[in-house]
Each structure stands twice: as C-alpha cells, then as structure tokens.
Amino acid sequence: MKKLKIASGILIILLAFNSNAQNIEPQEIQNKKDLMNATITHTLAYRDNGIERPYKVTVRKKRKSEAMLGESTTNMVKQDKTINTESVAVLLTITNAFNSSDDRVISMRYDKSINDTFIIESKPNGFLILVDEKTMMYTMGKGISFPTPSDKNYFQANEFDIIK
C-alpha cells in the first residue's frame, strides 16, 4: 500500500510538470520580434559667455529586431536565424535646471547595423551624437544640425520644446 501511494504521488508530480510545460507553435517561432529598452542619463555642460552651464541629457532607446528562423530548422533546438536590420527609436530629453528655455525633446530614428555604437560627446556649445561614423550635432539655443549633408538622410530627427 505504501509503495502504491509513493508511485501515485510521483505520477501526479510528473503529470503536473508535463501539463505545465510551454507549448510553442511553429507560427510563433517564425515571426519572433525582440524588443530592447534602455535609459541612460548624461550630465554635460556648455559655455555661455564664459560661464559653464550644466544640463542633463536623458537617452531613452527602444530597439526592435525581427529574427526570421529558417524553414529547415523549425522544430530543432539550435535554429538558423536571419536577422533583418533593426529599427531604433531614441528619445533625448534635455533639461537645464538654471535655464528652462534650454529644455527640449529630440526624437530620432535610424536603422541599426550589427556593430553600431551610440555615443554622445560633449562640445563647448552643445553635444554630438555619433552613430556608425554618422554625426548629428545639437547646439544649445540653436537646435539640430548635420555637419555632413548625407547624415541628414540617415537620421530622422525632430525637435520639440518642453512646455511646463
């Protein structure tokens, strides 16, 4: 009787684990979308009439990539992937505690390559955004500019005032 109780207990546990396992349909595997969200805050400074004025740039980045899986490896553990270009949306919030007229929001989009880097570099009058040797410059009080005209086609950028 004791052996029967132990065997039936083990059987119930195994059935519970089996019924709770994930069941992924082949269609769900074929159209896999990955999202990545990140928020980074930079504290920078610019010069205005010889006075250094600090400000903060908050970068909110959202990246979506679609990975298409190969037909021949559909139900296998190690599957072949073909990764399409990723669409990246970046929201830059510029806040200045000393001068609220400098507060801005910049929304930008670009297509990410596999090994690109997103760098914000401080300049005396604003900051530079470098992505894959493409450059966008933001000058405090003036706005967005592109040192190279071809970079304007790479970034889709819009600038907005923050209304308080």
N, C-alpha and C. Protein backbone atom coordinates (compact mmCIF):
# COMPACT_ATOMS: atom_id res chain seq x y z
N MET A 1 0.82 -1.19 0.00
CA MET A 1 0.00 0.00 0.00
C MET A 1 0.87 1.26 0.00
N LYS A 2 1.94 1.22 0.79
CA LYS A 2 2.84 2.36 0.87
C LYS A 2 3.52 2.61 -0.48
N LYS A 3 3.91 1.54 -1.16
CA LYS A 3 4.55 1.66 -2.48
C LYS A 3 3.57 2.24 -3.50
N LEU A 4 2.31 1.87 -3.39
CA LEU A 4 1.28 2.38 -4.30
C LEU A 4 1.09 3.89 -4.10
N LYS A 5 1.09 4.36 -2.85
CA LYS A 5 0.95 5.79 -2.57
C LYS A 5 2.14 6.58 -3.11
N ILE A 6 3.36 6.05 -2.94
CA ILE A 6 4.57 6.72 -3.45
C ILE A 6 4.54 6.78 -4.97
N ALA A 7 4.18 5.68 -5.60
CA ALA A 7 4.14 5.62 -7.07
C ALA A 7 3.08 6.58 -7.61
N SER A 8 1.90 6.62 -6.98
CA SER A 8 0.85 7.53 -7.46
C SER A 8 1.25 8.99 -7.21
N GLY A 9 1.94 9.30 -6.12
CA GLY A 9 2.43 10.65 -5.86
C GLY A 9 3.44 11.10 -6.91
N ILE A 10 4.36 10.22 -7.27
CA ILE A 10 5.36 10.54 -8.31
C ILE A 10 4.67 10.73 -9.65
N LEU A 11 3.67 9.90 -9.94
CA LEU A 11 2.94 10.01 -11.20
C LEU A 11 2.19 11.35 -11.28
N ILE A 12 1.59 11.78 -10.19
CA ILE A 12 0.87 13.06 -10.17
C ILE A 12 1.84 14.22 -10.38
N ILE A 13 3.00 14.17 -9.75
CA ILE A 13 4.01 15.23 -9.91
C ILE A 13 4.49 15.29 -11.36
N LEU A 14 4.76 14.14 -11.96
CA LEU A 14 5.22 14.11 -13.36
C LEU A 14 4.14 14.64 -14.30
N LEU A 15 2.89 14.30 -14.07
CA LEU A 15 1.82 14.81 -14.91
C LEU A 15 1.67 16.32 -14.76
N ALA A 16 1.84 16.82 -13.56
CA ALA A 16 1.75 18.26 -13.34
C ALA A 16 2.85 19.00 -14.09
N PHE A 17 4.08 18.48 -14.06
CA PHE A 17 5.17 19.11 -14.80
C PHE A 17 4.94 19.04 -16.30
N ASN A 18 4.42 17.92 -16.77
CA ASN A 18 4.20 17.75 -18.20
C ASN A 18 3.10 18.68 -18.70
N SER A 19 2.02 18.84 -17.95
CA SER A 19 0.93 19.71 -18.39
C SER A 19 1.29 21.19 -18.28
N ASN A 20 2.29 21.53 -17.48
CA ASN A 20 2.68 22.91 -17.28
C ASN A 20 3.80 23.34 -18.24
N ALA A 21 4.29 22.45 -19.07
CA ALA A 21 5.37 22.79 -19.99
C ALA A 21 4.88 23.75 -21.06
N GLN A 22 5.80 24.56 -21.60
CA GLN A 22 5.43 25.52 -22.63
C GLN A 22 5.22 24.81 -23.95
N ASN A 23 4.22 25.24 -24.66
CA ASN A 23 3.94 24.70 -25.98
C ASN A 23 4.03 25.84 -26.97
N ILE A 24 5.06 25.87 -27.79
CA ILE A 24 5.28 26.96 -28.74
C ILE A 24 4.89 26.46 -30.12
N GLU A 25 3.99 27.20 -30.74
CA GLU A 25 3.52 26.86 -32.08
C GLU A 25 4.57 27.28 -33.11
N PRO A 26 4.68 26.56 -34.22
CA PRO A 26 5.66 26.93 -35.26
C PRO A 26 5.44 28.33 -35.83
N GLN A 27 4.19 28.82 -35.89
CA GLN A 27 3.94 30.17 -36.40
C GLN A 27 4.52 31.22 -35.46
N GLU A 28 4.46 30.99 -34.15
CA GLU A 28 5.02 31.94 -33.19
C GLU A 28 6.53 32.00 -33.32
N ILE A 29 7.15 30.89 -33.63
CA ILE A 29 8.61 30.84 -33.78
C ILE A 29 9.03 31.58 -35.04
N GLN A 30 8.25 31.48 -36.10
CA GLN A 30 8.64 32.06 -37.38
C GLN A 30 8.71 33.58 -37.34
N ASN A 31 7.83 34.23 -36.61
CA ASN A 31 7.78 35.70 -36.58
C ASN A 31 8.17 36.22 -35.21
N LYS A 32 9.38 35.98 -34.80
CA LYS A 32 9.87 36.37 -33.47
C LYS A 32 10.33 37.83 -33.52
N LYS A 33 9.81 38.66 -32.61
CA LYS A 33 10.21 40.06 -32.52
C LYS A 33 10.83 40.28 -31.15
N ASP A 34 12.01 40.88 -31.13
CA ASP A 34 12.70 41.17 -29.88
C ASP A 34 12.68 42.67 -29.65
N LEU A 35 12.43 43.07 -28.41
CA LEU A 35 12.45 44.48 -28.03
C LEU A 35 13.53 44.70 -26.99
N MET A 36 14.18 45.86 -27.08
CA MET A 36 15.19 46.23 -26.10
C MET A 36 14.92 47.69 -25.73
N ASN A 37 14.76 47.95 -24.44
CA ASN A 37 14.56 49.31 -23.95
C ASN A 37 15.70 49.66 -23.00
N ALA A 38 16.21 50.88 -23.12
CA ALA A 38 17.30 51.32 -22.24
C ALA A 38 17.13 52.81 -21.96
N THR A 39 17.52 53.22 -20.75
CA THR A 39 17.51 54.63 -20.36
C THR A 39 18.85 54.96 -19.73
N ILE A 40 19.50 56.00 -20.25
CA ILE A 40 20.80 56.44 -19.76
C ILE A 40 20.74 57.96 -19.59
N THR A 41 21.30 58.47 -18.48
CA THR A 41 21.34 59.91 -18.25
C THR A 41 22.79 60.39 -18.26
N HIS A 42 23.04 61.43 -19.06
CA HIS A 42 24.37 62.05 -19.14
C HIS A 42 24.28 63.46 -18.55
N THR A 43 25.28 63.85 -17.79
CA THR A 43 25.38 65.22 -17.29
C THR A 43 26.49 65.90 -18.06
N LEU A 44 26.13 66.93 -18.81
CA LEU A 44 27.09 67.65 -19.67
C LEU A 44 27.06 69.13 -19.30
N ALA A 45 27.90 69.91 -19.94
CA ALA A 45 27.94 71.34 -19.70
C ALA A 45 28.29 72.06 -21.00
N TYR A 46 27.76 73.28 -21.15
CA TYR A 46 28.13 74.12 -22.29
C TYR A 46 28.56 75.48 -21.77
N ARG A 47 29.27 76.22 -22.61
CA ARG A 47 29.77 77.54 -22.21
C ARG A 47 28.86 78.62 -22.80
N ASP A 48 28.49 79.54 -21.91
CA ASP A 48 27.66 80.67 -22.32
C ASP A 48 28.29 81.93 -21.72
N ASN A 49 28.89 82.76 -22.55
CA ASN A 49 29.59 83.98 -22.12
C ASN A 49 30.65 83.68 -21.08
N GLY A 50 31.40 82.60 -21.28
CA GLY A 50 32.48 82.24 -20.38
C GLY A 50 32.05 81.49 -19.13
N ILE A 51 30.76 81.29 -18.96
CA ILE A 51 30.24 80.58 -17.78
C ILE A 51 29.83 79.17 -18.21
N GLU A 52 30.27 78.19 -17.43
CA GLU A 52 29.91 76.81 -17.73
C GLU A 52 28.55 76.50 -17.13
N ARG A 53 27.59 76.09 -17.98
CA ARG A 53 26.23 75.80 -17.54
C ARG A 53 25.95 74.31 -17.68
N PRO A 54 25.66 73.63 -16.57
CA PRO A 54 25.39 72.19 -16.65
C PRO A 54 23.95 71.91 -17.13
N TYR A 55 23.80 70.78 -17.79
CA TYR A 55 22.48 70.31 -18.21
C TYR A 55 22.52 68.79 -18.29
N LYS A 56 21.35 68.19 -18.31
CA LYS A 56 21.25 66.73 -18.37
C LYS A 56 20.60 66.30 -19.67
N VAL A 57 21.12 65.21 -20.22
CA VAL A 57 20.54 64.59 -21.41
C VAL A 57 20.15 63.18 -21.02
N THR A 58 18.85 62.89 -21.08
CA THR A 58 18.36 61.55 -20.79
C THR A 58 18.06 60.87 -22.13
N VAL A 59 18.68 59.73 -22.35
CA VAL A 59 18.53 58.99 -23.60
C VAL A 59 17.66 57.78 -23.33
N ARG A 60 16.52 57.72 -23.99
CA ARG A 60 15.64 56.55 -23.92
C ARG A 60 15.68 55.90 -25.30
N LYS A 61 16.18 54.68 -25.31
CA LYS A 61 16.36 54.00 -26.59
C LYS A 61 15.47 52.76 -26.63
N LYS A 62 14.78 52.59 -27.75
CA LYS A 62 13.94 51.42 -27.95
C LYS A 62 14.34 50.81 -29.29
N ARG A 63 14.67 49.54 -29.24
CA ARG A 63 15.16 48.87 -30.45
C ARG A 63 14.30 47.64 -30.70
N LYS A 64 13.84 47.49 -31.93
CA LYS A 64 13.04 46.33 -32.29
C LYS A 64 13.73 45.58 -33.43
N SER A 65 13.90 44.29 -33.23
CA SER A 65 14.52 43.48 -34.28
C SER A 65 13.64 42.29 -34.58
N GLU A 66 13.59 41.94 -35.83
CA GLU A 66 12.84 40.76 -36.25
C GLU A 66 13.82 39.71 -36.70
N ALA A 67 13.71 38.55 -36.10
CA ALA A 67 14.56 37.43 -36.49
C ALA A 67 13.69 36.39 -37.19
N MET A 68 13.98 36.12 -38.43
CA MET A 68 13.25 35.10 -39.17
C MET A 68 14.04 33.80 -39.05
N LEU A 69 13.35 32.75 -38.66
CA LEU A 69 14.01 31.46 -38.48
C LEU A 69 13.88 30.63 -39.75
N GLY A 70 14.91 29.83 -40.02
CA GLY A 70 14.93 29.03 -41.23
C GLY A 70 13.88 27.93 -41.23
N GLU A 71 13.35 27.63 -42.40
CA GLU A 71 12.32 26.60 -42.54
C GLU A 71 12.86 25.21 -42.20
N SER A 72 14.11 24.95 -42.55
CA SER A 72 14.66 23.61 -42.38
C SER A 72 14.93 23.26 -40.92
N THR A 73 15.02 24.26 -40.05
CA THR A 73 15.34 24.01 -38.64
C THR A 73 14.20 24.41 -37.72
N THR A 74 12.96 24.27 -38.17
CA THR A 74 11.81 24.79 -37.44
C THR A 74 11.66 24.21 -36.04
N ASN A 75 11.70 22.90 -35.87
CA ASN A 75 11.45 22.30 -34.56
C ASN A 75 12.72 21.80 -33.90
N MET A 76 13.85 22.38 -34.23
CA MET A 76 15.11 21.96 -33.65
C MET A 76 15.51 22.93 -32.53
N VAL A 77 16.38 22.47 -31.64
CA VAL A 77 16.83 23.31 -30.53
C VAL A 77 17.69 24.45 -31.04
N LYS A 78 18.65 24.16 -31.89
CA LYS A 78 19.55 25.17 -32.44
C LYS A 78 19.05 25.53 -33.83
N GLN A 79 18.46 26.71 -33.96
CA GLN A 79 17.83 27.09 -35.21
C GLN A 79 18.65 28.14 -35.94
N ASP A 80 18.56 28.11 -37.28
CA ASP A 80 19.23 29.11 -38.11
C ASP A 80 18.39 30.39 -38.09
N LYS A 81 19.06 31.54 -37.88
CA LYS A 81 18.37 32.82 -37.86
C LYS A 81 18.89 33.70 -38.98
N THR A 82 18.02 34.47 -39.57
CA THR A 82 18.41 35.55 -40.46
C THR A 82 17.88 36.83 -39.82
N ILE A 83 18.78 37.70 -39.40
CA ILE A 83 18.39 38.92 -38.69
C ILE A 83 18.31 40.06 -39.69
N ASN A 84 17.15 40.69 -39.72
CA ASN A 84 16.96 41.86 -40.57
C ASN A 84 17.51 43.08 -39.83
N THR A 85 17.56 44.21 -40.52
CA THR A 85 18.04 45.42 -39.85
C THR A 85 17.08 45.80 -38.72
N GLU A 86 17.63 46.37 -37.69
CA GLU A 86 16.83 46.77 -36.54
C GLU A 86 16.43 48.22 -36.67
N SER A 87 15.23 48.51 -36.25
CA SER A 87 14.75 49.87 -36.22
C SER A 87 14.95 50.41 -34.81
N VAL A 88 15.65 51.54 -34.69
CA VAL A 88 15.95 52.12 -33.38
C VAL A 88 15.23 53.46 -33.26
N ALA A 89 14.52 53.64 -32.15
CA ALA A 89 13.89 54.91 -31.83
C ALA A 89 14.55 55.45 -30.57
N VAL A 90 15.02 56.70 -30.63
CA VAL A 90 15.71 57.31 -29.50
C VAL A 90 14.98 58.60 -29.14
N LEU A 91 14.72 58.76 -27.84
CA LEU A 91 14.11 59.98 -27.34
C LEU A 91 15.12 60.64 -26.40
N LEU A 92 15.59 61.82 -26.79
CA LEU A 92 16.56 62.58 -25.98
C LEU A 92 15.81 63.70 -25.27
N THR A 93 15.92 63.75 -23.96
CA THR A 93 15.30 64.82 -23.17
C THR A 93 16.41 65.66 -22.58
N ILE A 94 16.43 66.94 -22.96
CA ILE A 94 17.46 67.86 -22.49
C ILE A 94 16.82 68.76 -21.44
N THR A 95 17.37 68.74 -20.22
CA THR A 95 16.82 69.57 -19.14
C THR A 95 17.94 70.40 -18.52
N ASN A 96 17.63 71.66 -18.30
CA ASN A 96 18.57 72.59 -17.69
C ASN A 96 17.87 73.24 -16.50
N ALA A 97 18.36 72.96 -15.30
CA ALA A 97 17.73 73.49 -14.08
C ALA A 97 17.88 75.01 -13.98
N PHE A 98 18.92 75.59 -14.60
CA PHE A 98 19.17 77.02 -14.48
C PHE A 98 18.47 77.85 -15.55
N ASN A 99 18.16 77.24 -16.70
CA ASN A 99 17.53 77.97 -17.79
C ASN A 99 16.51 77.05 -18.46
N SER A 100 15.23 77.24 -18.14
CA SER A 100 14.20 76.34 -18.68
C SER A 100 13.97 76.53 -20.18
N SER A 101 14.49 77.60 -20.76
CA SER A 101 14.34 77.77 -22.21
C SER A 101 15.23 76.80 -22.99
N ASP A 102 16.19 76.16 -22.31
CA ASP A 102 17.03 75.15 -22.96
C ASP A 102 16.38 73.77 -22.97
N ASP A 103 15.26 73.60 -22.26
CA ASP A 103 14.62 72.29 -22.18
C ASP A 103 14.02 71.90 -23.52
N ARG A 104 14.42 70.74 -24.01
CA ARG A 104 13.99 70.25 -25.32
C ARG A 104 13.80 68.74 -25.29
N VAL A 105 13.06 68.25 -26.26
CA VAL A 105 12.93 66.82 -26.51
C VAL A 105 13.27 66.61 -27.98
N ILE A 106 14.15 65.67 -28.24
CA ILE A 106 14.53 65.32 -29.61
C ILE A 106 14.15 63.85 -29.83
N SER A 107 13.36 63.61 -30.85
CA SER A 107 13.04 62.23 -31.21
C SER A 107 13.80 61.92 -32.49
N MET A 108 14.42 60.77 -32.50
CA MET A 108 15.17 60.39 -33.71
C MET A 108 15.01 58.90 -33.98
N ARG A 109 15.09 58.55 -35.23
CA ARG A 109 15.02 57.15 -35.68
C ARG A 109 16.16 56.92 -36.65
N TYR A 110 16.64 55.68 -36.61
CA TYR A 110 17.62 55.25 -37.60
C TYR A 110 17.63 53.74 -37.64
N ASP A 111 18.22 53.19 -38.71
CA ASP A 111 18.33 51.74 -38.84
C ASP A 111 19.68 51.32 -38.30
N LYS A 112 19.64 50.40 -37.37
CA LYS A 112 20.86 49.93 -36.69
C LYS A 112 21.53 48.86 -37.53
N SER A 113 22.84 48.99 -37.63
CA SER A 113 23.61 47.91 -38.23
C SER A 113 24.08 47.00 -37.09
N ILE A 114 24.76 45.93 -37.42
CA ILE A 114 25.11 44.92 -36.42
C ILE A 114 26.03 45.48 -35.34
N ASN A 115 27.06 46.22 -35.72
CA ASN A 115 28.07 46.66 -34.76
C ASN A 115 28.09 48.17 -34.55
N ASP A 116 26.95 48.83 -34.62
CA ASP A 116 27.00 50.28 -34.47
C ASP A 116 27.14 50.67 -33.00
N THR A 117 27.60 51.89 -32.79
CA THR A 117 27.77 52.43 -31.45
C THR A 117 26.99 53.74 -31.37
N PHE A 118 26.42 54.02 -30.22
CA PHE A 118 25.69 55.26 -29.98
C PHE A 118 26.47 56.02 -28.92
N ILE A 119 27.11 57.12 -29.34
CA ILE A 119 27.97 57.88 -28.44
C ILE A 119 27.49 59.33 -28.39
N ILE A 120 27.40 59.87 -27.18
CA ILE A 120 27.15 61.30 -27.00
C ILE A 120 28.44 61.93 -26.53
N GLU A 121 28.91 62.91 -27.28
CA GLU A 121 30.18 63.57 -26.99
C GLU A 121 29.92 65.04 -26.70
N SER A 122 30.40 65.53 -25.58
CA SER A 122 30.18 66.91 -25.17
C SER A 122 31.04 67.86 -25.99
N LYS A 123 30.47 68.98 -26.37
CA LYS A 123 31.17 70.06 -27.08
C LYS A 123 30.95 71.36 -26.29
N PRO A 124 31.76 72.39 -26.51
CA PRO A 124 31.61 73.63 -25.74
C PRO A 124 30.24 74.30 -25.91
N ASN A 125 29.58 74.08 -27.05
CA ASN A 125 28.30 74.75 -27.28
C ASN A 125 27.11 73.78 -27.36
N GLY A 126 27.33 72.51 -27.03
CA GLY A 126 26.25 71.52 -27.10
C GLY A 126 26.81 70.11 -27.02
N PHE A 127 26.31 69.24 -27.88
CA PHE A 127 26.82 67.87 -27.91
C PHE A 127 26.67 67.27 -29.30
N LEU A 128 27.47 66.24 -29.53
CA LEU A 128 27.46 65.48 -30.79
C LEU A 128 26.90 64.09 -30.52
N ILE A 129 26.14 63.58 -31.46
CA ILE A 129 25.69 62.19 -31.41
C ILE A 129 26.37 61.48 -32.56
N LEU A 130 27.12 60.43 -32.23
CA LEU A 130 27.85 59.67 -33.24
C LEU A 130 27.27 58.26 -33.30
N VAL A 131 26.84 57.86 -34.49
CA VAL A 131 26.35 56.51 -34.73
C VAL A 131 26.96 56.04 -36.05
N ASP A 132 27.81 55.02 -35.97
CA ASP A 132 28.41 54.46 -37.20
C ASP A 132 29.04 55.51 -38.10
N GLU A 133 29.85 56.37 -37.54
CA GLU A 133 30.53 57.44 -38.27
C GLU A 133 29.56 58.44 -38.90
N LYS A 134 28.32 58.42 -38.48
CA LYS A 134 27.34 59.42 -38.88
C LYS A 134 27.21 60.37 -37.69
N THR A 135 27.03 61.66 -37.99
CA THR A 135 27.08 62.67 -36.94
C THR A 135 25.85 63.57 -36.97
N MET A 136 25.30 63.82 -35.79
CA MET A 136 24.25 64.82 -35.62
C MET A 136 24.71 65.73 -34.48
N MET A 137 24.62 67.03 -34.68
CA MET A 137 25.07 67.98 -33.66
C MET A 137 23.87 68.73 -33.12
N TYR A 138 23.86 68.91 -31.80
CA TYR A 138 22.85 69.75 -31.17
C TYR A 138 23.57 70.91 -30.51
N THR A 139 23.23 72.12 -30.91
CA THR A 139 23.81 73.34 -30.35
C THR A 139 22.77 73.97 -29.45
N MET A 140 23.14 74.23 -28.20
CA MET A 140 22.22 74.81 -27.24
C MET A 140 21.74 76.18 -27.74
N GLY A 141 20.44 76.36 -27.76
CA GLY A 141 19.85 77.62 -28.19
C GLY A 141 19.64 77.72 -29.69
N LYS A 142 20.25 76.82 -30.48
CA LYS A 142 20.11 76.87 -31.94
C LYS A 142 19.38 75.66 -32.50
N GLY A 143 19.69 74.48 -31.97
CA GLY A 143 18.97 73.29 -32.44
C GLY A 143 19.86 72.27 -33.12
N ILE A 144 19.21 71.42 -33.91
CA ILE A 144 19.88 70.31 -34.58
C ILE A 144 20.55 70.78 -35.85
N SER A 145 21.76 70.24 -36.09
CA SER A 145 22.45 70.48 -37.36
C SER A 145 23.21 69.21 -37.75
N PHE A 146 23.51 69.10 -39.01
CA PHE A 146 24.25 67.96 -39.53
C PHE A 146 25.51 68.45 -40.22
N PRO A 147 26.70 68.11 -39.69
CA PRO A 147 27.94 68.56 -40.31
C PRO A 147 28.11 68.04 -41.74
N THR A 148 27.63 66.84 -42.00
CA THR A 148 27.70 66.26 -43.34
C THR A 148 26.28 66.13 -43.88
N PRO A 149 26.00 66.65 -45.07
CA PRO A 149 24.62 66.60 -45.59
C PRO A 149 24.07 65.17 -45.75
N SER A 150 24.92 64.21 -46.02
CA SER A 150 24.43 62.83 -46.20
C SER A 150 23.94 62.23 -44.88
N ASP A 151 24.43 62.75 -43.74
CA ASP A 151 23.99 62.24 -42.44
C ASP A 151 22.53 62.61 -42.16
N LYS A 152 22.04 63.66 -42.80
CA LYS A 152 20.65 64.07 -42.61
C LYS A 152 19.69 62.99 -43.10
N ASN A 153 20.10 62.24 -44.11
CA ASN A 153 19.27 61.15 -44.63
C ASN A 153 19.30 59.92 -43.74
N TYR A 154 20.36 59.77 -42.95
CA TYR A 154 20.50 58.60 -42.07
C TYR A 154 19.60 58.73 -40.85
N PHE A 155 19.59 59.91 -40.23
CA PHE A 155 18.77 60.16 -39.04
C PHE A 155 17.45 60.79 -39.45
N GLN A 156 16.39 60.38 -38.80
CA GLN A 156 15.10 61.07 -38.92
C GLN A 156 14.89 61.73 -37.57
N ALA A 157 15.17 63.03 -37.49
CA ALA A 157 15.17 63.71 -36.19
C ALA A 157 14.17 64.87 -36.19
N ASN A 158 13.49 65.03 -35.05
CA ASN A 158 12.58 66.14 -34.83
C ASN A 158 12.86 66.71 -33.45
N GLU A 159 12.71 68.03 -33.33
CA GLU A 159 12.99 68.71 -32.07
C GLU A 159 11.71 69.39 -31.57
N PHE A 160 11.46 69.26 -30.26
CA PHE A 160 10.26 69.84 -29.66
C PHE A 160 10.63 70.59 -28.38
N ASP A 161 9.88 71.66 -28.08
CA ASP A 161 10.05 72.37 -26.82
C ASP A 161 9.30 71.63 -25.73
N ILE A 162 9.81 71.73 -24.50
CA ILE A 162 9.10 71.20 -23.34
C ILE A 162 8.27 72.34 -22.77
N ILE A 163 6.98 72.13 -22.68
CA ILE A 163 6.09 73.14 -22.14
C ILE A 163 5.73 72.74 -20.72
N LYS A 164 6.00 73.63 -19.79
CA LYS A 164 5.70 73.36 -18.38
C LYS A 164 4.52 74.12 -17.89
